[in-house]
């Protein structure tokens, strides 16, 4: 063989190697569960960090959840906020939809997967809460730009197959928020290898909801005393109270336009 001749790799093998690389990176991330409840859509992640978020607001009724490499999907999150702000400002707020955002993300992920030297090691969910459960939208995007329209629930990250199987068995439409959170936490704590389940404290969790009953800005973080009450076994039918005192930290912006890039990130 002539010295310096480039090593040939078939396109099929190259795509397979990239897909395997991305899947391994995603599987190392802690899982995220997204599921519908009677009042909207809940997002639950194992994430002890209070600075690097896996779950974030994109627009009034649209939220974003991710697993994988933090710098990569933080860039995607910021790009999504800019896309939503620009479209809402140029046209109308109603023109900003989860479907449009998912298509934009799909184009970016597909381009990176096929043209860059390394694919993004990320998996995303873009969700939009509607006026009724039937109008909720949940889109799952994978590292290669594939988009799936999910119904009811979706799990991503390490142990996602086992979590998805548990959701298929136990989730049902119309669950109260406390019931939905308890189910998600139980599945996140389960050992994928079949061993004894762990115990996840509220401090180890990141929880947020898209609440269809809130005016305009429907995203809210669930933490502190409110999360403790919802996860308590004393009253499994408890739901989010009307007050927002236990919602997002006071320094969060009141709408996406005033958020600073990087204010809400995502942790691996």
C-alpha atoms as a PDB file:
ATOM      1  CA  UNK A   1       0.000   0.000   0.000  1.00  0.00           C
ATOM      2  CA  UNK A   2       1.324   3.398  -0.910  1.00  0.00           C
ATOM      3  CA  UNK A   3       2.431   5.421   2.113  1.00  0.00           C
ATOM      4  CA  UNK A   4       0.049   8.237   2.949  1.00  0.00           C
ATOM      5  CA  UNK A   5      -2.973   6.707   1.217  1.00  0.00           C
ATOM      6  CA  UNK A   6      -6.114   7.656   3.198  1.00  0.00           C
ATOM      7  CA  UNK A   7      -7.865   4.825   5.006  1.00  0.00           C
ATOM      8  CA  UNK A   8     -11.254   4.105   3.432  1.00  0.00           C
ATOM      9  CA  UNK A   9     -14.366   3.664   5.569  1.00  0.00           C
ATOM     10  CA  UNK A  10     -17.698   2.956   3.917  1.00  0.00           C
ATOM     11  CA  UNK A  11     -20.487   5.483   4.516  1.00  0.00           C
ATOM     12  CA  UNK A  12     -22.587   2.778   6.174  1.00  0.00           C
ATOM     13  CA  UNK A  13     -19.826   1.928   8.644  1.00  0.00           C
ATOM     14  CA  UNK A  14     -19.131   5.604   9.325  1.00  0.00           C
ATOM     15  CA  UNK A  15     -22.776   6.290  10.184  1.00  0.00           C
ATOM     16  CA  UNK A  16     -22.938   3.180  12.359  1.00  0.00           C
ATOM     17  CA  UNK A  17     -19.807   4.196  14.262  1.00  0.00           C
ATOM     18  CA  UNK A  18     -21.180   7.688  14.845  1.00  0.00           C
ATOM     19  CA  UNK A  19     -24.514   6.324  16.050  1.00  0.00           C
ATOM     20  CA  UNK A  20     -22.812   3.892  18.449  1.00  0.00           C
ATOM     21  CA  UNK A  21     -20.620   6.696  19.778  1.00  0.00           C
ATOM     22  CA  UNK A  22     -23.606   8.963  20.420  1.00  0.00           C
ATOM     23  CA  UNK A  23     -25.706   6.226  22.024  1.00  0.00           C
ATOM     24  CA  UNK A  24     -22.936   5.308  24.465  1.00  0.00           C
ATOM     25  CA  UNK A  25     -22.529   8.927  25.510  1.00  0.00           C
ATOM     26  CA  UNK A  26     -26.272   9.364  26.061  1.00  0.00           C
ATOM     27  CA  UNK A  27     -26.556   6.130  28.059  1.00  0.00           C
ATOM     28  CA  UNK A  28     -24.012   7.460  30.568  1.00  0.00           C
ATOM     29  CA  UNK A  29     -26.296  10.394  31.444  1.00  0.00           C
ATOM     30  CA  UNK A  30     -28.801  10.238  34.288  1.00  0.00           C
ATOM     31  CA  UNK A  31     -32.329   9.612  33.055  1.00  0.00           C
ATOM     32  CA  UNK A  32     -35.147  12.099  32.518  1.00  0.00           C
ATOM     33  CA  UNK A  33     -38.845  11.210  32.561  1.00  0.00           C
ATOM     34  CA  UNK A  34     -41.521  13.334  30.876  1.00  0.00           C
ATOM     35  CA  UNK A  35     -45.148  12.369  31.442  1.00  0.00           C
ATOM     36  CA  UNK A  36     -48.614  13.841  31.213  1.00  0.00           C
ATOM     37  CA  UNK A  37     -50.794  14.334  34.283  1.00  0.00           C
ATOM     38  CA  UNK A  38     -54.314  15.700  34.619  1.00  0.00           C
ATOM     39  CA  UNK A  39     -53.164  19.324  34.801  1.00  0.00           C
ATOM     40  CA  UNK A  40     -50.377  19.364  32.214  1.00  0.00           C
ATOM     41  CA  UNK A  41     -46.968  17.814  31.587  1.00  0.00           C
ATOM     42  CA  UNK A  42     -44.418  16.913  34.287  1.00  0.00           C
ATOM     43  CA  UNK A  43     -40.634  16.661  33.908  1.00  0.00           C
ATOM     44  CA  UNK A  44     -38.602  14.655  36.435  1.00  0.00           C
ATOM     45  CA  UNK A  45     -34.840  14.141  36.410  1.00  0.00           C
ATOM     46  CA  UNK A  46     -32.225  12.835  38.778  1.00  0.00           C
ATOM     47  CA  UNK A  47     -30.037  15.910  39.112  1.00  0.00           C
ATOM     48  CA  UNK A  48     -28.555  17.132  42.406  1.00  0.00           C
ATOM     49  CA  UNK A  49     -27.143  20.278  40.790  1.00  0.00           C
ATOM     50  CA  UNK A  50     -29.025  23.517  41.410  1.00  0.00           C
ATOM     51  CA  UNK A  51     -27.033  25.434  38.786  1.00  0.00           C
ATOM     52  CA  UNK A  52     -26.906  23.110  35.774  1.00  0.00           C
ATOM     53  CA  UNK A  53     -30.419  22.187  34.754  1.00  0.00           C
ATOM     54  CA  UNK A  54     -31.634  19.294  32.628  1.00  0.00           C
ATOM     55  CA  UNK A  55     -35.087  20.910  32.306  1.00  0.00           C
ATOM     56  CA  UNK A  56     -35.743  24.453  31.117  1.00  0.00           C
ATOM     57  CA  UNK A  57     -38.369  26.824  29.780  1.00  0.00           C
ATOM     58  CA  UNK A  58     -38.209  27.749  26.116  1.00  0.00           C
ATOM     59  CA  UNK A  59     -41.358  29.841  25.709  1.00  0.00           C
ATOM     60  CA  UNK A  60     -44.682  30.563  27.404  1.00  0.00           C
ATOM     61  CA  UNK A  61     -46.098  27.047  27.067  1.00  0.00           C
ATOM     62  CA  UNK A  62     -43.043  25.157  25.755  1.00  0.00           C
ATOM     63  CA  UNK A  63     -40.348  23.374  27.764  1.00  0.00           C
ATOM     64  CA  UNK A  64     -37.149  21.507  26.993  1.00  0.00           C
ATOM     65  CA  UNK A  65     -35.528  18.485  28.650  1.00  0.00           C
ATOM     66  CA  UNK A  66     -32.244  16.839  27.724  1.00  0.00           C
ATOM     67  CA  UNK A  67     -29.674  14.177  28.573  1.00  0.00           C
ATOM     68  CA  UNK A  68     -26.101  13.752  27.406  1.00  0.00           C
ATOM     69  CA  UNK A  69     -23.320  16.320  27.051  1.00  0.00           C
ATOM     70  CA  UNK A  70     -24.170  19.511  28.902  1.00  0.00           C
ATOM     71  CA  UNK A  71     -22.255  21.996  26.662  1.00  0.00           C
ATOM     72  CA  UNK A  72     -23.846  20.549  23.536  1.00  0.00           C
ATOM     73  CA  UNK A  73     -27.475  20.687  24.566  1.00  0.00           C
ATOM     74  CA  UNK A  74     -27.023  23.935  26.450  1.00  0.00           C
ATOM     75  CA  UNK A  75     -26.072  25.417  23.070  1.00  0.00           C
ATOM     76  CA  UNK A  76     -29.244  23.886  21.635  1.00  0.00           C
ATOM     77  CA  UNK A  77     -31.349  25.273  24.471  1.00  0.00           C
ATOM     78  CA  UNK A  78     -30.032  28.799  23.949  1.00  0.00           C
ATOM     79  CA  UNK A  79     -30.591  28.481  20.196  1.00  0.00           C
ATOM     80  CA  UNK A  80     -34.168  27.353  20.878  1.00  0.00           C
ATOM     81  CA  UNK A  81     -34.867  30.380  23.081  1.00  0.00           C
ATOM     82  CA  UNK A  82     -33.509  32.678  20.369  1.00  0.00           C
ATOM     83  CA  UNK A  83     -35.585  30.913  17.702  1.00  0.00           C
ATOM     84  CA  UNK A  84     -38.757  31.265  19.799  1.00  0.00           C
ATOM     85  CA  UNK A  85     -38.104  34.907  20.678  1.00  0.00           C
ATOM     86  CA  UNK A  86     -37.389  35.882  17.081  1.00  0.00           C
ATOM     87  CA  UNK A  87     -40.413  34.061  15.687  1.00  0.00           C
ATOM     88  CA  UNK A  88     -42.737  35.404  18.360  1.00  0.00           C
ATOM     89  CA  UNK A  89     -41.459  38.947  17.846  1.00  0.00           C
ATOM     90  CA  UNK A  90     -41.542  38.805  14.023  1.00  0.00           C
ATOM     91  CA  UNK A  91     -44.937  37.134  13.718  1.00  0.00           C
ATOM     92  CA  UNK A  92     -47.117  36.311  16.712  1.00  0.00           C
ATOM     93  CA  UNK A  93     -46.672  34.433  19.981  1.00  0.00           C
ATOM     94  CA  UNK A  94     -49.117  31.783  18.766  1.00  0.00           C
ATOM     95  CA  UNK A  95     -46.737  31.028  15.867  1.00  0.00           C
ATOM     96  CA  UNK A  96     -44.150  29.644  18.300  1.00  0.00           C
ATOM     97  CA  UNK A  97     -44.929  25.922  18.551  1.00  0.00           C
ATOM     98  CA  UNK A  98     -43.211  22.799  19.828  1.00  0.00           C
ATOM     99  CA  UNK A  99     -43.523  21.282  16.367  1.00  0.00           C
ATOM    100  CA  UNK A 100     -41.667  24.168  14.742  1.00  0.00           C
ATOM    101  CA  UNK A 101     -38.982  24.079  17.413  1.00  0.00           C
ATOM    102  CA  UNK A 102     -38.606  20.307  17.073  1.00  0.00           C
ATOM    103  CA  UNK A 103     -38.163  20.663  13.305  1.00  0.00           C
ATOM    104  CA  UNK A 104     -35.478  23.304  13.824  1.00  0.00           C
ATOM    105  CA  UNK A 105     -33.642  21.081  16.298  1.00  0.00           C
ATOM    106  CA  UNK A 106     -33.961  18.107  13.954  1.00  0.00           C
ATOM    107  CA  UNK A 107     -32.268  20.026  11.136  1.00  0.00           C
ATOM    108  CA  UNK A 108     -29.397  21.070  13.392  1.00  0.00           C
ATOM    109  CA  UNK A 109     -28.869  17.592  14.851  1.00  0.00           C
ATOM    110  CA  UNK A 110     -29.095  15.940  11.425  1.00  0.00           C
ATOM    111  CA  UNK A 111     -26.547  18.330   9.931  1.00  0.00           C
ATOM    112  CA  UNK A 112     -24.105  17.804  12.783  1.00  0.00           C
ATOM    113  CA  UNK A 113     -24.537  14.027  12.622  1.00  0.00           C
ATOM    114  CA  UNK A 114     -23.803  13.783   8.897  1.00  0.00           C
ATOM    115  CA  UNK A 115     -21.297  16.583   8.330  1.00  0.00           C
ATOM    116  CA  UNK A 116     -19.306  17.151  11.512  1.00  0.00           C
ATOM    117  CA  UNK A 117     -16.467  14.965  12.756  1.00  0.00           C
ATOM    118  CA  UNK A 118     -18.358  14.094  15.952  1.00  0.00           C
ATOM    119  CA  UNK A 119     -22.141  13.849  16.471  1.00  0.00           C
ATOM    120  CA  UNK A 120     -23.875  15.524  19.393  1.00  0.00           C
ATOM    121  CA  UNK A 121     -24.182  13.145  22.336  1.00  0.00           C
ATOM    122  CA  UNK A 122     -27.634  14.401  23.230  1.00  0.00           C
ATOM    123  CA  UNK A 123     -31.260  13.390  23.339  1.00  0.00           C
ATOM    124  CA  UNK A 124     -34.006  15.977  23.713  1.00  0.00           C
ATOM    125  CA  UNK A 125     -37.682  16.347  24.500  1.00  0.00           C
ATOM    126  CA  UNK A 126     -39.618  19.415  23.409  1.00  0.00           C
ATOM    127  CA  UNK A 127     -43.082  19.609  24.963  1.00  0.00           C
ATOM    128  CA  UNK A 128     -45.990  22.019  24.607  1.00  0.00           C
ATOM    129  CA  UNK A 129     -48.978  22.068  26.928  1.00  0.00           C
ATOM    130  CA  UNK A 130     -52.384  22.664  25.355  1.00  0.00           C
ATOM    131  CA  UNK A 131     -55.802  23.653  26.621  1.00  0.00           C
ATOM    132  CA  UNK A 132     -56.714  19.957  27.037  1.00  0.00           C
ATOM    133  CA  UNK A 133     -54.668  16.761  27.398  1.00  0.00           C
ATOM    134  CA  UNK A 134     -55.553  15.819  23.826  1.00  0.00           C
ATOM    135  CA  UNK A 135     -53.803  18.939  22.530  1.00  0.00           C
ATOM    136  CA  UNK A 136     -50.568  18.417  24.492  1.00  0.00           C
ATOM    137  CA  UNK A 137     -47.531  17.788  22.289  1.00  0.00           C
ATOM    138  CA  UNK A 138     -44.383  15.841  23.231  1.00  0.00           C
ATOM    139  CA  UNK A 139     -41.573  15.399  20.698  1.00  0.00           C
ATOM    140  CA  UNK A 140     -38.478  13.283  21.263  1.00  0.00           C
ATOM    141  CA  UNK A 141     -35.348  14.063  19.236  1.00  0.00           C
ATOM    142  CA  UNK A 142     -32.327  11.797  18.979  1.00  0.00           C
ATOM    143  CA  UNK A 143     -28.685  12.488  18.144  1.00  0.00           C
ATOM    144  CA  UNK A 144     -29.198  11.997  14.380  1.00  0.00           C
ATOM    145  CA  UNK A 145     -32.132  14.410  14.061  1.00  0.00           C
ATOM    146  CA  UNK A 146     -34.887  11.798  14.142  1.00  0.00           C
ATOM    147  CA  UNK A 147     -38.173  13.087  15.589  1.00  0.00           C
ATOM    148  CA  UNK A 148     -40.834  10.987  17.322  1.00  0.00           C
ATOM    149  CA  UNK A 149     -44.264  12.236  18.363  1.00  0.00           C
ATOM    150  CA  UNK A 150     -44.748  10.709  21.811  1.00  0.00           C
ATOM    151  CA  UNK A 151     -48.038  10.203  23.632  1.00  0.00           C
ATOM    152  CA  UNK A 152     -48.410  10.077  27.388  1.00  0.00           C
ATOM    153  CA  UNK A 153     -44.797   9.698  28.447  1.00  0.00           C
ATOM    154  CA  UNK A 154     -41.183   9.334  27.366  1.00  0.00           C
ATOM    155  CA  UNK A 155     -37.919   8.378  29.098  1.00  0.00           C
ATOM    156  CA  UNK A 156     -34.367   9.271  28.033  1.00  0.00           C
ATOM    157  CA  UNK A 157     -30.850   8.530  29.247  1.00  0.00           C
ATOM    158  CA  UNK A 158     -29.385   5.652  31.228  1.00  0.00           C
ATOM    159  CA  UNK A 159     -31.857   2.810  31.842  1.00  0.00           C
ATOM    160  CA  UNK A 160     -34.448   4.422  29.556  1.00  0.00           C
ATOM    161  CA  UNK A 161     -35.701   1.070  28.226  1.00  0.00           C
ATOM    162  CA  UNK A 162     -36.516  -0.247  31.706  1.00  0.00           C
ATOM    163  CA  UNK A 163     -38.121   3.053  32.710  1.00  0.00           C
ATOM    164  CA  UNK A 164     -40.198   3.097  29.536  1.00  0.00           C
ATOM    165  CA  UNK A 165     -41.384  -0.446  30.252  1.00  0.00           C
ATOM    166  CA  UNK A 166     -42.399   0.615  33.760  1.00  0.00           C
ATOM    167  CA  UNK A 167     -44.278   3.630  32.426  1.00  0.00           C
ATOM    168  CA  UNK A 168     -46.078   1.473  29.881  1.00  0.00           C
ATOM    169  CA  UNK A 169     -47.277  -0.766  32.693  1.00  0.00           C
ATOM    170  CA  UNK A 170     -48.158   1.807  35.356  1.00  0.00           C
ATOM    171  CA  UNK A 171     -48.946   5.168  33.682  1.00  0.00           C
ATOM    172  CA  UNK A 172     -52.545   6.010  32.941  1.00  0.00           C
ATOM    173  CA  UNK A 173     -54.292   9.146  31.626  1.00  0.00           C
ATOM    174  CA  UNK A 174     -55.649  11.552  34.218  1.00  0.00           C
ATOM    175  CA  UNK A 175     -53.130  10.857  36.970  1.00  0.00           C
ATOM    176  CA  UNK A 176     -52.789  13.533  39.652  1.00  0.00           C
ATOM    177  CA  UNK A 177     -49.440  15.303  39.745  1.00  0.00           C
ATOM    178  CA  UNK A 178     -48.398  13.636  42.998  1.00  0.00           C
ATOM    179  CA  UNK A 179     -49.143  10.203  41.529  1.00  0.00           C
ATOM    180  CA  UNK A 180     -47.224  10.989  38.338  1.00  0.00           C
ATOM    181  CA  UNK A 181     -44.202  12.259  40.290  1.00  0.00           C
ATOM    182  CA  UNK A 182     -44.219   9.235  42.593  1.00  0.00           C
ATOM    183  CA  UNK A 183     -44.252   6.911  39.585  1.00  0.00           C
ATOM    184  CA  UNK A 184     -41.410   8.772  37.866  1.00  0.00           C
ATOM    185  CA  UNK A 185     -39.244   8.840  41.000  1.00  0.00           C
ATOM    186  CA  UNK A 186     -39.837   5.134  41.669  1.00  0.00           C
ATOM    187  CA  UNK A 187     -38.734   4.230  38.146  1.00  0.00           C
ATOM    188  CA  UNK A 188     -35.717   6.564  38.251  1.00  0.00           C
ATOM    189  CA  UNK A 189     -34.607   4.914  41.510  1.00  0.00           C
ATOM    190  CA  UNK A 190     -34.936   1.363  40.175  1.00  0.00           C
ATOM    191  CA  UNK A 191     -31.768  -0.581  39.405  1.00  0.00           C
ATOM    192  CA  UNK A 192     -31.618  -1.404  35.647  1.00  0.00           C
ATOM    193  CA  UNK A 193     -29.734  -4.587  36.538  1.00  0.00           C
ATOM    194  CA  UNK A 194     -32.586  -5.777  38.732  1.00  0.00           C
ATOM    195  CA  UNK A 195     -30.969  -5.079  42.095  1.00  0.00           C
ATOM    196  CA  UNK A 196     -32.356  -3.204  45.064  1.00  0.00           C
ATOM    197  CA  UNK A 197     -33.834   0.192  44.267  1.00  0.00           C
ATOM    198  CA  UNK A 198     -32.159   3.331  45.526  1.00  0.00           C
ATOM    199  CA  UNK A 199     -33.800   6.036  47.593  1.00  0.00           C
ATOM    200  CA  UNK A 200     -33.929   9.418  45.849  1.00  0.00           C
ATOM    201  CA  UNK A 201     -34.431  12.412  48.137  1.00  0.00           C
ATOM    202  CA  UNK A 202     -36.101  15.590  46.841  1.00  0.00           C
ATOM    203  CA  UNK A 203     -32.683  17.290  46.934  1.00  0.00           C
ATOM    204  CA  UNK A 204     -31.461  14.827  44.300  1.00  0.00           C
ATOM    205  CA  UNK A 205     -34.277  15.623  41.901  1.00  0.00           C
ATOM    206  CA  UNK A 206     -35.060  18.336  39.393  1.00  0.00           C
ATOM    207  CA  UNK A 207     -38.795  18.681  38.805  1.00  0.00           C
ATOM    208  CA  UNK A 208     -40.792  21.101  36.667  1.00  0.00           C
ATOM    209  CA  UNK A 209     -44.249  21.240  35.127  1.00  0.00           C
ATOM    210  CA  UNK A 210     -46.118  22.851  32.284  1.00  0.00           C
ATOM    211  CA  UNK A 211     -49.346  23.717  34.086  1.00  0.00           C
ATOM    212  CA  UNK A 212     -52.221  24.254  31.655  1.00  0.00           C
ATOM    213  CA  UNK A 213     -54.199  26.192  34.279  1.00  0.00           C
ATOM    214  CA  UNK A 214     -51.658  28.955  34.756  1.00  0.00           C
ATOM    215  CA  UNK A 215     -52.066  32.180  32.752  1.00  0.00           C
ATOM    216  CA  UNK A 216     -49.616  32.728  29.900  1.00  0.00           C
ATOM    217  CA  UNK A 217     -46.305  31.538  31.377  1.00  0.00           C
ATOM    218  CA  UNK A 218     -47.115  27.916  32.175  1.00  0.00           C
ATOM    219  CA  UNK A 219     -43.678  26.631  33.081  1.00  0.00           C
ATOM    220  CA  UNK A 220     -42.805  26.402  36.742  1.00  0.00           C
ATOM    221  CA  UNK A 221     -40.159  24.652  38.798  1.00  0.00           C
ATOM    222  CA  UNK A 222     -41.318  22.422  41.645  1.00  0.00           C
ATOM    223  CA  UNK A 223     -38.865  22.361  44.525  1.00  0.00           C
ATOM    224  CA  UNK A 224     -38.392  22.889  48.235  1.00  0.00           C
ATOM    225  CA  UNK A 225     -41.357  22.424  50.545  1.00  0.00           C
ATOM    226  CA  UNK A 226     -43.766  22.070  47.634  1.00  0.00           C
ATOM    227  CA  UNK A 227     -41.841  19.106  46.203  1.00  0.00           C
ATOM    228  CA  UNK A 228     -41.600  17.552  49.672  1.00  0.00           C
ATOM    229  CA  UNK A 229     -45.389  17.717  50.013  1.00  0.00           C
ATOM    230  CA  UNK A 230     -46.022  16.256  46.577  1.00  0.00           C
ATOM    231  CA  UNK A 231     -43.674  13.328  47.191  1.00  0.00           C
ATOM    232  CA  UNK A 232     -45.012  12.711  50.690  1.00  0.00           C
ATOM    233  CA  UNK A 233     -46.997   9.500  51.153  1.00  0.00           C
ATOM    234  CA  UNK A 234     -49.341  11.246  53.608  1.00  0.00           C
ATOM    235  CA  UNK A 235     -51.639  12.519  50.852  1.00  0.00           C
ATOM    236  CA  UNK A 236     -50.985  10.859  47.478  1.00  0.00           C
ATOM    237  CA  UNK A 237     -53.756  12.851  45.804  1.00  0.00           C
ATOM    238  CA  UNK A 238     -52.236  16.221  46.700  1.00  0.00           C
ATOM    239  CA  UNK A 239     -51.665  18.556  43.787  1.00  0.00           C
ATOM    240  CA  UNK A 240     -49.901  21.838  43.116  1.00  0.00           C
ATOM    241  CA  UNK A 241     -51.555  24.633  45.125  1.00  0.00           C
ATOM    242  CA  UNK A 242     -52.700  27.823  43.480  1.00  0.00           C
ATOM    243  CA  UNK A 243     -49.892  29.930  44.971  1.00  0.00           C
ATOM    244  CA  UNK A 244     -46.615  30.306  43.097  1.00  0.00           C
ATOM    245  CA  UNK A 245     -44.517  31.004  46.196  1.00  0.00           C
ATOM    246  CA  UNK A 246     -42.768  27.638  45.916  1.00  0.00           C
ATOM    247  CA  UNK A 247     -42.285  27.801  42.158  1.00  0.00           C
ATOM    248  CA  UNK A 248     -39.205  29.087  40.360  1.00  0.00           C
ATOM    249  CA  UNK A 249     -36.504  30.997  42.243  1.00  0.00           C
ATOM    250  CA  UNK A 250     -37.234  34.708  42.473  1.00  0.00           C
ATOM    251  CA  UNK A 251     -34.325  35.638  40.228  1.00  0.00           C
ATOM    252  CA  UNK A 252     -35.845  33.816  37.230  1.00  0.00           C
ATOM    253  CA  UNK A 253     -37.242  36.044  34.519  1.00  0.00           C
ATOM    254  CA  UNK A 254     -40.971  36.433  34.127  1.00  0.00           C
ATOM    255  CA  UNK A 255     -40.823  35.578  30.450  1.00  0.00           C
ATOM    256  CA  UNK A 256     -38.311  33.955  28.085  1.00  0.00           C
ATOM    257  CA  UNK A 257     -37.345  37.225  26.413  1.00  0.00           C
ATOM    258  CA  UNK A 258     -35.689  38.487  29.572  1.00  0.00           C
ATOM    259  CA  UNK A 259     -33.757  35.322  30.379  1.00  0.00           C
ATOM    260  CA  UNK A 260     -30.012  35.478  30.104  1.00  0.00           C
ATOM    261  CA  UNK A 261     -28.272  32.803  28.003  1.00  0.00           C
ATOM    262  CA  UNK A 262     -27.102  30.060  30.341  1.00  0.00           C
ATOM    263  CA  UNK A 263     -29.523  30.998  33.140  1.00  0.00           C
ATOM    264  CA  UNK A 264     -31.274  27.647  32.722  1.00  0.00           C
ATOM    265  CA  UNK A 265     -28.946  24.936  31.525  1.00  0.00           C
ATOM    266  CA  UNK A 266     -28.925  21.153  31.678  1.00  0.00           C
ATOM    267  CA  UNK A 267     -26.704  18.787  33.561  1.00  0.00           C
ATOM    268  CA  UNK A 268     -25.430  15.482  32.406  1.00  0.00           C
END
